[in-house]
């Protein structure tokens, strides 16, 4: 099944059908997965899941955008990496 943007695969190689983040018009150049299953993505996109997100977005474990986390007002451009502290 084609996936625009990002897909998650289980250890046995099966596609996680429930993880389907909607990244509109852009690319993902970096991601990180946290112990709780949440994911941070970064790149050159401006919208994820219908919400404005300038190049960085926090996703819930199911791939939906975490609406409580955003970096509004950050400088425009592509994010190519982050360091989690």
C-alpha atoms as a PDB file:
ATOM      1  CA  UNK A   1       0.000   0.000   0.000  1.00  0.00           C
ATOM      2  CA  UNK A   2       1.568   3.346  -1.019  1.00  0.00           C
ATOM      3  CA  UNK A   3       2.282   5.842   1.785  1.00  0.00           C
ATOM      4  CA  UNK A   4       2.897   9.530   1.172  1.00  0.00           C
ATOM      5  CA  UNK A   5       5.578  10.932   3.463  1.00  0.00           C
ATOM      6  CA  UNK A   6       6.235   8.356   6.151  1.00  0.00           C
ATOM      7  CA  UNK A   7       5.389   4.750   6.971  1.00  0.00           C
ATOM      8  CA  UNK A   8       6.078   2.547   9.973  1.00  0.00           C
ATOM      9  CA  UNK A   9       7.037  -1.098   9.616  1.00  0.00           C
ATOM     10  CA  UNK A  10       6.902  -3.688  12.379  1.00  0.00           C
ATOM     11  CA  UNK A  11      10.005  -5.737  13.245  1.00  0.00           C
ATOM     12  CA  UNK A  12       8.618  -8.641  11.206  1.00  0.00           C
ATOM     13  CA  UNK A  13       8.351  -6.436   8.081  1.00  0.00           C
ATOM     14  CA  UNK A  14       4.586  -5.864   8.105  1.00  0.00           C
ATOM     15  CA  UNK A  15       3.301  -2.360   7.384  1.00  0.00           C
ATOM     16  CA  UNK A  16       1.576  -0.634  10.311  1.00  0.00           C
ATOM     17  CA  UNK A  17      -1.741   0.169   8.603  1.00  0.00           C
ATOM     18  CA  UNK A  18      -2.810   2.482  11.448  1.00  0.00           C
ATOM     19  CA  UNK A  19       0.221   4.789  11.278  1.00  0.00           C
ATOM     20  CA  UNK A  20      -0.433   7.182   8.393  1.00  0.00           C
ATOM     21  CA  UNK A  21       0.686  10.767   9.016  1.00  0.00           C
ATOM     22  CA  UNK A  22      -0.693  13.201   6.449  1.00  0.00           C
ATOM     23  CA  UNK A  23       2.287  15.326   5.387  1.00  0.00           C
ATOM     24  CA  UNK A  24       1.110  17.747   2.711  1.00  0.00           C
ATOM     25  CA  UNK A  25       3.427  19.155   0.045  1.00  0.00           C
ATOM     26  CA  UNK A  26       6.924  18.661   1.307  1.00  0.00           C
ATOM     27  CA  UNK A  27       9.607  16.225   2.318  1.00  0.00           C
ATOM     28  CA  UNK A  28      10.655  14.607   5.578  1.00  0.00           C
ATOM     29  CA  UNK A  29      14.432  14.667   6.021  1.00  0.00           C
ATOM     30  CA  UNK A  30      14.731  13.655   9.687  1.00  0.00           C
ATOM     31  CA  UNK A  31      12.727  11.798  12.338  1.00  0.00           C
ATOM     32  CA  UNK A  32      13.119  10.395  15.826  1.00  0.00           C
ATOM     33  CA  UNK A  33      11.007   7.877  17.723  1.00  0.00           C
ATOM     34  CA  UNK A  34      10.589   8.191  21.479  1.00  0.00           C
ATOM     35  CA  UNK A  35       9.995   5.440  24.049  1.00  0.00           C
ATOM     36  CA  UNK A  36       6.307   6.336  24.354  1.00  0.00           C
ATOM     37  CA  UNK A  37       5.875   5.737  20.600  1.00  0.00           C
ATOM     38  CA  UNK A  38       5.597   9.403  19.665  1.00  0.00           C
ATOM     39  CA  UNK A  39       7.551  10.608  16.645  1.00  0.00           C
ATOM     40  CA  UNK A  40       9.133  13.958  15.752  1.00  0.00           C
ATOM     41  CA  UNK A  41       9.520  14.657  12.040  1.00  0.00           C
ATOM     42  CA  UNK A  42      11.428  17.505  10.395  1.00  0.00           C
ATOM     43  CA  UNK A  43      11.872  18.642   6.824  1.00  0.00           C
ATOM     44  CA  UNK A  44      10.538  21.101   4.275  1.00  0.00           C
ATOM     45  CA  UNK A  45       6.776  20.696   4.790  1.00  0.00           C
ATOM     46  CA  UNK A  46       4.294  23.351   5.919  1.00  0.00           C
ATOM     47  CA  UNK A  47       1.258  21.275   6.864  1.00  0.00           C
ATOM     48  CA  UNK A  48       0.742  17.958   8.667  1.00  0.00           C
ATOM     49  CA  UNK A  49      -2.679  16.463   9.314  1.00  0.00           C
ATOM     50  CA  UNK A  50      -4.399  19.673   8.256  1.00  0.00           C
ATOM     51  CA  UNK A  51      -2.491  21.731  10.846  1.00  0.00           C
ATOM     52  CA  UNK A  52       0.134  24.328   9.957  1.00  0.00           C
ATOM     53  CA  UNK A  53       3.559  22.981  10.882  1.00  0.00           C
ATOM     54  CA  UNK A  54       6.634  24.781   9.487  1.00  0.00           C
ATOM     55  CA  UNK A  55       9.203  22.048   9.005  1.00  0.00           C
ATOM     56  CA  UNK A  56       8.732  20.258  12.331  1.00  0.00           C
ATOM     57  CA  UNK A  57       5.879  18.258  13.829  1.00  0.00           C
ATOM     58  CA  UNK A  58       5.314  16.014  16.819  1.00  0.00           C
ATOM     59  CA  UNK A  59       3.190  12.952  16.071  1.00  0.00           C
ATOM     60  CA  UNK A  60       1.248  10.767  18.455  1.00  0.00           C
ATOM     61  CA  UNK A  61       1.989   7.013  18.361  1.00  0.00           C
ATOM     62  CA  UNK A  62      -0.819   6.540  15.799  1.00  0.00           C
ATOM     63  CA  UNK A  63       0.684   9.141  13.406  1.00  0.00           C
ATOM     64  CA  UNK A  64      -1.755  11.961  14.147  1.00  0.00           C
ATOM     65  CA  UNK A  65      -0.353  15.393  14.957  1.00  0.00           C
ATOM     66  CA  UNK A  66       0.023  16.251  18.627  1.00  0.00           C
ATOM     67  CA  UNK A  67      -1.810  19.609  18.565  1.00  0.00           C
ATOM     68  CA  UNK A  68      -0.240  20.729  21.842  1.00  0.00           C
ATOM     69  CA  UNK A  69       3.291  20.828  20.441  1.00  0.00           C
ATOM     70  CA  UNK A  70       4.475  23.240  17.771  1.00  0.00           C
ATOM     71  CA  UNK A  71       7.314  25.655  17.084  1.00  0.00           C
ATOM     72  CA  UNK A  72       5.329  28.584  15.712  1.00  0.00           C
ATOM     73  CA  UNK A  73       7.441  31.469  14.535  1.00  0.00           C
ATOM     74  CA  UNK A  74      10.621  29.549  13.815  1.00  0.00           C
ATOM     75  CA  UNK A  75      12.707  30.788  10.829  1.00  0.00           C
ATOM     76  CA  UNK A  76      11.614  29.354   7.449  1.00  0.00           C
ATOM     77  CA  UNK A  77      13.689  26.686   5.745  1.00  0.00           C
ATOM     78  CA  UNK A  78      14.357  22.970   5.785  1.00  0.00           C
ATOM     79  CA  UNK A  79      15.272  21.267   9.062  1.00  0.00           C
ATOM     80  CA  UNK A  80      17.822  18.527   8.467  1.00  0.00           C
ATOM     81  CA  UNK A  81      18.403  17.369  12.042  1.00  0.00           C
ATOM     82  CA  UNK A  82      17.635  17.942  15.690  1.00  0.00           C
ATOM     83  CA  UNK A  83      19.115  16.978  19.012  1.00  0.00           C
ATOM     84  CA  UNK A  84      16.711  15.798  21.721  1.00  0.00           C
ATOM     85  CA  UNK A  85      17.680  16.997  25.180  1.00  0.00           C
END
